[in-house]
Amino acid sequence: MDKTVFVVINGWYSSAPVLWALFDSWMAVAALVLLCLGLCYLRQEQRWLLPALLAVALTDMGVVRVFKPLVARERPCAVLERSYVPRDEFGPHCGSGSAMPSAHAANTMALAAVLGFPELALISAVVGVSRVTTGQHWPSDVLAGWAIGLCSGSAVRWAFRRFLGWP
């Protein structure tokens, strides 16, 4: 099932390779940071920036240091001969490390959960789909990442509300 869904979503890459590869670049991270800053400023929620940063840091460390080594699943771009992946000057770009879970999906969902902005959940969805489209992750890697990010982001938000009395 995972492979079948992967093949369908990964096939979207050929329709707009530049667009999908854009989500795999530093520019996407910069745009997300600027969007978060702008939304926090507009909604006067700047106090949540520090908890959001904390949630992303904790989520990323948990995913990269605990879950990925524990599961040790290979990326589809390393396993499947016919997957679409972005290319750079060195050839096809297949991410390093294990696939399960997706740190991109986990981190963006943790950010959305702490800040509570629906726009960020939508961006997390696009980021997750882009990870499959660019051949970096299986669909279940992204689903696991979203679940971890939602749990960790919600836990940080709950802790700041519970112990610091933040509204």
C-alpha atoms as a PDB file:
ATOM      1  CA  MET A   1       0.000   0.000   0.000  1.00  0.00           C
ATOM      2  CA  ASP A   2       2.770   2.443   0.975  1.00  0.00           C
ATOM      3  CA  LYS A   3       4.645   1.758  -2.276  1.00  0.00           C
ATOM      4  CA  THR A   4       1.495   2.169  -4.400  1.00  0.00           C
ATOM      5  CA  VAL A   5       0.627   5.532  -2.844  1.00  0.00           C
ATOM      6  CA  PHE A   6       4.276   6.596  -3.122  1.00  0.00           C
ATOM      7  CA  VAL A   7       4.401   5.827  -6.860  1.00  0.00           C
ATOM      8  CA  VAL A   8       1.256   7.896  -7.508  1.00  0.00           C
ATOM      9  CA  ILE A   9       2.353  10.927  -5.468  1.00  0.00           C
ATOM     10  CA  ASN A  10       5.973  10.737  -6.622  1.00  0.00           C
ATOM     11  CA  GLY A  11       4.686  10.790 -10.219  1.00  0.00           C
ATOM     12  CA  TRP A  12       3.472  14.362  -9.629  1.00  0.00           C
ATOM     13  CA  TYR A  13       7.113  15.477  -9.578  1.00  0.00           C
ATOM     14  CA  SER A  14       7.427  15.293 -13.363  1.00  0.00           C
ATOM     15  CA  SER A  15       4.534  17.770 -13.786  1.00  0.00           C
ATOM     16  CA  ALA A  16       6.401  20.629 -12.054  1.00  0.00           C
ATOM     17  CA  PRO A  17       9.936  19.633 -10.977  1.00  0.00           C
ATOM     18  CA  VAL A  18      11.058  23.186 -10.228  1.00  0.00           C
ATOM     19  CA  LEU A  19       8.083  23.812  -7.954  1.00  0.00           C
ATOM     20  CA  TRP A  20       8.514  20.567  -5.997  1.00  0.00           C
ATOM     21  CA  ALA A  21      12.285  21.004  -5.725  1.00  0.00           C
ATOM     22  CA  LEU A  22      11.665  24.481  -4.290  1.00  0.00           C
ATOM     23  CA  PHE A  23      10.139  22.875  -1.186  1.00  0.00           C
ATOM     24  CA  ASP A  24      13.406  20.965  -0.786  1.00  0.00           C
ATOM     25  CA  SER A  25      15.503  24.147  -0.594  1.00  0.00           C
ATOM     26  CA  TRP A  26      16.629  26.672   2.016  1.00  0.00           C
ATOM     27  CA  MET A  27      14.250  29.205   0.443  1.00  0.00           C
ATOM     28  CA  ALA A  28      11.257  27.207   1.691  1.00  0.00           C
ATOM     29  CA  VAL A  29      12.620  27.302   5.250  1.00  0.00           C
ATOM     30  CA  ALA A  30      13.249  31.052   5.013  1.00  0.00           C
ATOM     31  CA  ALA A  31       9.733  31.654   3.688  1.00  0.00           C
ATOM     32  CA  LEU A  32       8.219  29.577   6.501  1.00  0.00           C
ATOM     33  CA  VAL A  33      10.158  31.521   9.150  1.00  0.00           C
ATOM     34  CA  LEU A  34       9.057  34.838   7.641  1.00  0.00           C
ATOM     35  CA  LEU A  35       5.446  33.649   7.477  1.00  0.00           C
ATOM     36  CA  CYS A  36       5.516  32.600  11.147  1.00  0.00           C
ATOM     37  CA  LEU A  37       7.005  35.917  12.206  1.00  0.00           C
ATOM     38  CA  GLY A  38       4.437  37.816  10.149  1.00  0.00           C
ATOM     39  CA  LEU A  39       1.477  35.823  11.459  1.00  0.00           C
ATOM     40  CA  CYS A  40       2.643  36.178  15.062  1.00  0.00           C
ATOM     41  CA  TYR A  41       3.048  39.925  14.610  1.00  0.00           C
ATOM     42  CA  LEU A  42      -0.349  40.370  12.929  1.00  0.00           C
ATOM     43  CA  ARG A  43      -2.132  38.324  15.592  1.00  0.00           C
ATOM     44  CA  GLN A  44      -0.060  39.788  18.435  1.00  0.00           C
ATOM     45  CA  GLU A  45       1.079  36.324  19.459  1.00  0.00           C
ATOM     46  CA  GLN A  46       4.836  37.017  19.628  1.00  0.00           C
ATOM     47  CA  ARG A  47       5.109  35.322  23.034  1.00  0.00           C
ATOM     48  CA  TRP A  48       4.511  31.961  21.316  1.00  0.00           C
ATOM     49  CA  LEU A  49       7.651  32.248  19.164  1.00  0.00           C
ATOM     50  CA  LEU A  50       9.946  30.917  21.911  1.00  0.00           C
ATOM     51  CA  PRO A  51       7.702  27.905  22.699  1.00  0.00           C
ATOM     52  CA  ALA A  52       7.432  27.244  18.949  1.00  0.00           C
ATOM     53  CA  LEU A  53      11.213  27.247  18.627  1.00  0.00           C
ATOM     54  CA  LEU A  54      11.472  24.944  21.640  1.00  0.00           C
ATOM     55  CA  ALA A  55       8.888  22.536  20.175  1.00  0.00           C
ATOM     56  CA  VAL A  56      10.674  22.373  16.823  1.00  0.00           C
ATOM     57  CA  ALA A  57      14.044  21.798  18.524  1.00  0.00           C
ATOM     58  CA  LEU A  58      12.671  19.021  20.748  1.00  0.00           C
ATOM     59  CA  THR A  59      10.783  17.436  17.865  1.00  0.00           C
ATOM     60  CA  ASP A  60      13.796  17.515  15.569  1.00  0.00           C
ATOM     61  CA  MET A  61      16.104  16.001  18.190  1.00  0.00           C
ATOM     62  CA  GLY A  62      13.588  13.263  18.971  1.00  0.00           C
ATOM     63  CA  VAL A  63      13.051  12.399  15.327  1.00  0.00           C
ATOM     64  CA  VAL A  64      16.703  12.511  14.271  1.00  0.00           C
ATOM     65  CA  ARG A  65      18.343  11.074  17.402  1.00  0.00           C
ATOM     66  CA  VAL A  66      15.703   8.581  18.572  1.00  0.00           C
ATOM     67  CA  PHE A  67      13.115   7.545  15.987  1.00  0.00           C
ATOM     68  CA  LYS A  68      15.202   7.463  12.781  1.00  0.00           C
ATOM     69  CA  PRO A  69      17.988   5.278  14.263  1.00  0.00           C
ATOM     70  CA  LEU A  70      15.406   3.074  15.964  1.00  0.00           C
ATOM     71  CA  VAL A  71      13.411   2.417  12.785  1.00  0.00           C
ATOM     72  CA  ALA A  72      16.345   2.651  10.309  1.00  0.00           C
ATOM     73  CA  ARG A  73      14.120   2.578   7.221  1.00  0.00           C
ATOM     74  CA  GLU A  74      15.664   3.312   3.839  1.00  0.00           C
ATOM     75  CA  ARG A  75      14.429   6.210   1.746  1.00  0.00           C
ATOM     76  CA  PRO A  76      12.396   5.356  -1.365  1.00  0.00           C
ATOM     77  CA  CYS A  77      14.872   7.232  -3.577  1.00  0.00           C
ATOM     78  CA  ALA A  78      17.573   4.829  -2.342  1.00  0.00           C
ATOM     79  CA  VAL A  79      15.448   1.710  -2.814  1.00  0.00           C
ATOM     80  CA  LEU A  80      13.304   2.317  -5.884  1.00  0.00           C
ATOM     81  CA  GLU A  81      15.085   2.590  -9.184  1.00  0.00           C
ATOM     82  CA  ARG A  82      12.371   4.584 -10.911  1.00  0.00           C
ATOM     83  CA  SER A  83      11.551   7.293  -8.377  1.00  0.00           C
ATOM     84  CA  TYR A  84      11.619  10.963  -9.344  1.00  0.00           C
ATOM     85  CA  VAL A  85      14.091  13.006  -7.287  1.00  0.00           C
ATOM     86  CA  PRO A  86      15.492  16.524  -7.594  1.00  0.00           C
ATOM     87  CA  ARG A  87      18.868  16.832  -9.300  1.00  0.00           C
ATOM     88  CA  ASP A  88      21.698  19.185  -8.526  1.00  0.00           C
ATOM     89  CA  GLU A  89      25.159  19.612 -10.036  1.00  0.00           C
ATOM     90  CA  PHE A  90      26.212  16.290  -8.488  1.00  0.00           C
ATOM     91  CA  GLY A  91      23.276  14.272  -9.837  1.00  0.00           C
ATOM     92  CA  PRO A  92      20.117  12.962  -8.147  1.00  0.00           C
ATOM     93  CA  HIS A  93      19.594  14.272  -4.612  1.00  0.00           C
ATOM     94  CA  CYS A  94      18.517  11.553  -2.186  1.00  0.00           C
ATOM     95  CA  GLY A  95      18.507  12.687   1.440  1.00  0.00           C
ATOM     96  CA  SER A  96      20.936  11.348   3.972  1.00  0.00           C
ATOM     97  CA  GLY A  97      19.992   9.190   6.916  1.00  0.00           C
ATOM     98  CA  SER A  98      16.914   7.106   7.496  1.00  0.00           C
ATOM     99  CA  ALA A  99      13.439   7.848   6.202  1.00  0.00           C
ATOM    100  CA  MET A 100      11.073   7.063   9.074  1.00  0.00           C
ATOM    101  CA  PRO A 101       9.733   9.459  10.299  1.00  0.00           C
ATOM    102  CA  SER A 102       9.926  12.621   8.203  1.00  0.00           C
ATOM    103  CA  ALA A 103      11.617  15.386  10.208  1.00  0.00           C
ATOM    104  CA  HIS A 104      10.250  18.014   7.788  1.00  0.00           C
ATOM    105  CA  ALA A 105       6.674  16.859   8.431  1.00  0.00           C
ATOM    106  CA  ALA A 106       7.243  16.568  12.192  1.00  0.00           C
ATOM    107  CA  ASN A 107       8.861  19.981  12.571  1.00  0.00           C
ATOM    108  CA  THR A 108       6.319  21.873  10.499  1.00  0.00           C
ATOM    109  CA  MET A 109       3.419  20.189  12.314  1.00  0.00           C
ATOM    110  CA  ALA A 110       4.992  20.952  15.725  1.00  0.00           C
ATOM    111  CA  LEU A 111       5.205  24.579  14.663  1.00  0.00           C
ATOM    112  CA  ALA A 112       1.560  24.583  13.579  1.00  0.00           C
ATOM    113  CA  ALA A 113       0.458  22.896  16.827  1.00  0.00           C
ATOM    114  CA  VAL A 114       2.235  25.370  19.103  1.00  0.00           C
ATOM    115  CA  LEU A 115       1.195  28.484  17.231  1.00  0.00           C
ATOM    116  CA  GLY A 116      -2.305  27.197  16.512  1.00  0.00           C
ATOM    117  CA  PHE A 117      -2.451  28.778  13.063  1.00  0.00           C
ATOM    118  CA  PRO A 118      -4.476  26.758  10.515  1.00  0.00           C
ATOM    119  CA  GLU A 119      -2.357  28.233   7.698  1.00  0.00           C
ATOM    120  CA  LEU A 120       0.691  26.496   9.129  1.00  0.00           C
ATOM    121  CA  ALA A 121      -1.109  23.149   9.253  1.00  0.00           C
ATOM    122  CA  LEU A 122      -1.872  23.600   5.551  1.00  0.00           C
ATOM    123  CA  ILE A 123       1.781  24.403   4.882  1.00  0.00           C
ATOM    124  CA  SER A 124       2.781  21.295   6.848  1.00  0.00           C
ATOM    125  CA  ALA A 125       0.476  19.277   4.594  1.00  0.00           C
ATOM    126  CA  VAL A 126       2.130  20.700   1.472  1.00  0.00           C
ATOM    127  CA  VAL A 127       5.600  20.088   2.920  1.00  0.00           C
ATOM    128  CA  GLY A 128       4.665  16.476   3.731  1.00  0.00           C
ATOM    129  CA  VAL A 129       3.327  15.837   0.241  1.00  0.00           C
ATOM    130  CA  SER A 130       6.435  17.443  -1.241  1.00  0.00           C
ATOM    131  CA  ARG A 131       8.644  14.995   0.690  1.00  0.00           C
ATOM    132  CA  VAL A 132       6.895  12.101  -1.057  1.00  0.00           C
ATOM    133  CA  THR A 133       6.782  13.912  -4.396  1.00  0.00           C
ATOM    134  CA  THR A 134      10.542  14.506  -4.312  1.00  0.00           C
ATOM    135  CA  GLY A 135      11.205  10.838  -3.459  1.00  0.00           C
ATOM    136  CA  GLN A 136      12.638  11.500  -0.008  1.00  0.00           C
ATOM    137  CA  HIS A 137       9.969   9.720   2.074  1.00  0.00           C
ATOM    138  CA  TRP A 138       7.314   7.027   1.977  1.00  0.00           C
ATOM    139  CA  PRO A 139       3.767   8.260   2.742  1.00  0.00           C
ATOM    140  CA  SER A 140       3.833   6.471   6.113  1.00  0.00           C
ATOM    141  CA  ASP A 141       7.041   8.362   7.027  1.00  0.00           C
ATOM    142  CA  VAL A 142       5.160  11.619   6.558  1.00  0.00           C
ATOM    143  CA  LEU A 143       2.120  10.415   8.517  1.00  0.00           C
ATOM    144  CA  ALA A 144       4.383   9.361  11.399  1.00  0.00           C
ATOM    145  CA  GLY A 145       6.137  12.735  11.261  1.00  0.00           C
ATOM    146  CA  TRP A 146       2.843  14.612  11.418  1.00  0.00           C
ATOM    147  CA  ALA A 147       1.711  12.525  14.406  1.00  0.00           C
ATOM    148  CA  ILE A 148       4.969  13.132  16.296  1.00  0.00           C
ATOM    149  CA  GLY A 149       4.913  16.853  15.492  1.00  0.00           C
ATOM    150  CA  LEU A 150       1.286  17.214  16.534  1.00  0.00           C
ATOM    151  CA  CYS A 151       1.945  15.430  19.838  1.00  0.00           C
ATOM    152  CA  SER A 152       5.130  17.313  20.696  1.00  0.00           C
ATOM    153  CA  GLY A 153       3.798  20.716  19.627  1.00  0.00           C
ATOM    154  CA  SER A 154       0.562  20.193  21.537  1.00  0.00           C
ATOM    155  CA  ALA A 155       2.514  19.065  24.618  1.00  0.00           C
ATOM    156  CA  VAL A 156       4.662  22.215  24.558  1.00  0.00           C
ATOM    157  CA  ARG A 157       1.605  24.433  24.111  1.00  0.00           C
ATOM    158  CA  TRP A 158      -0.189  22.620  26.947  1.00  0.00           C
ATOM    159  CA  ALA A 159       2.865  22.965  29.248  1.00  0.00           C
ATOM    160  CA  PHE A 160       3.167  26.705  28.649  1.00  0.00           C
ATOM    161  CA  ARG A 161      -0.547  27.178  29.298  1.00  0.00           C
ATOM    162  CA  ARG A 162      -0.632  24.903  32.335  1.00  0.00           C
ATOM    163  CA  PHE A 163       2.544  25.927  34.122  1.00  0.00           C
ATOM    164  CA  LEU A 164       2.929  29.556  33.007  1.00  0.00           C
ATOM    165  CA  GLY A 165      -0.775  30.381  32.734  1.00  0.00           C
ATOM    166  CA  TRP A 166      -0.507  31.584  29.146  1.00  0.00           C
ATOM    167  CA  PRO A 167      -3.862  32.078  27.441  1.00  0.00           C
END
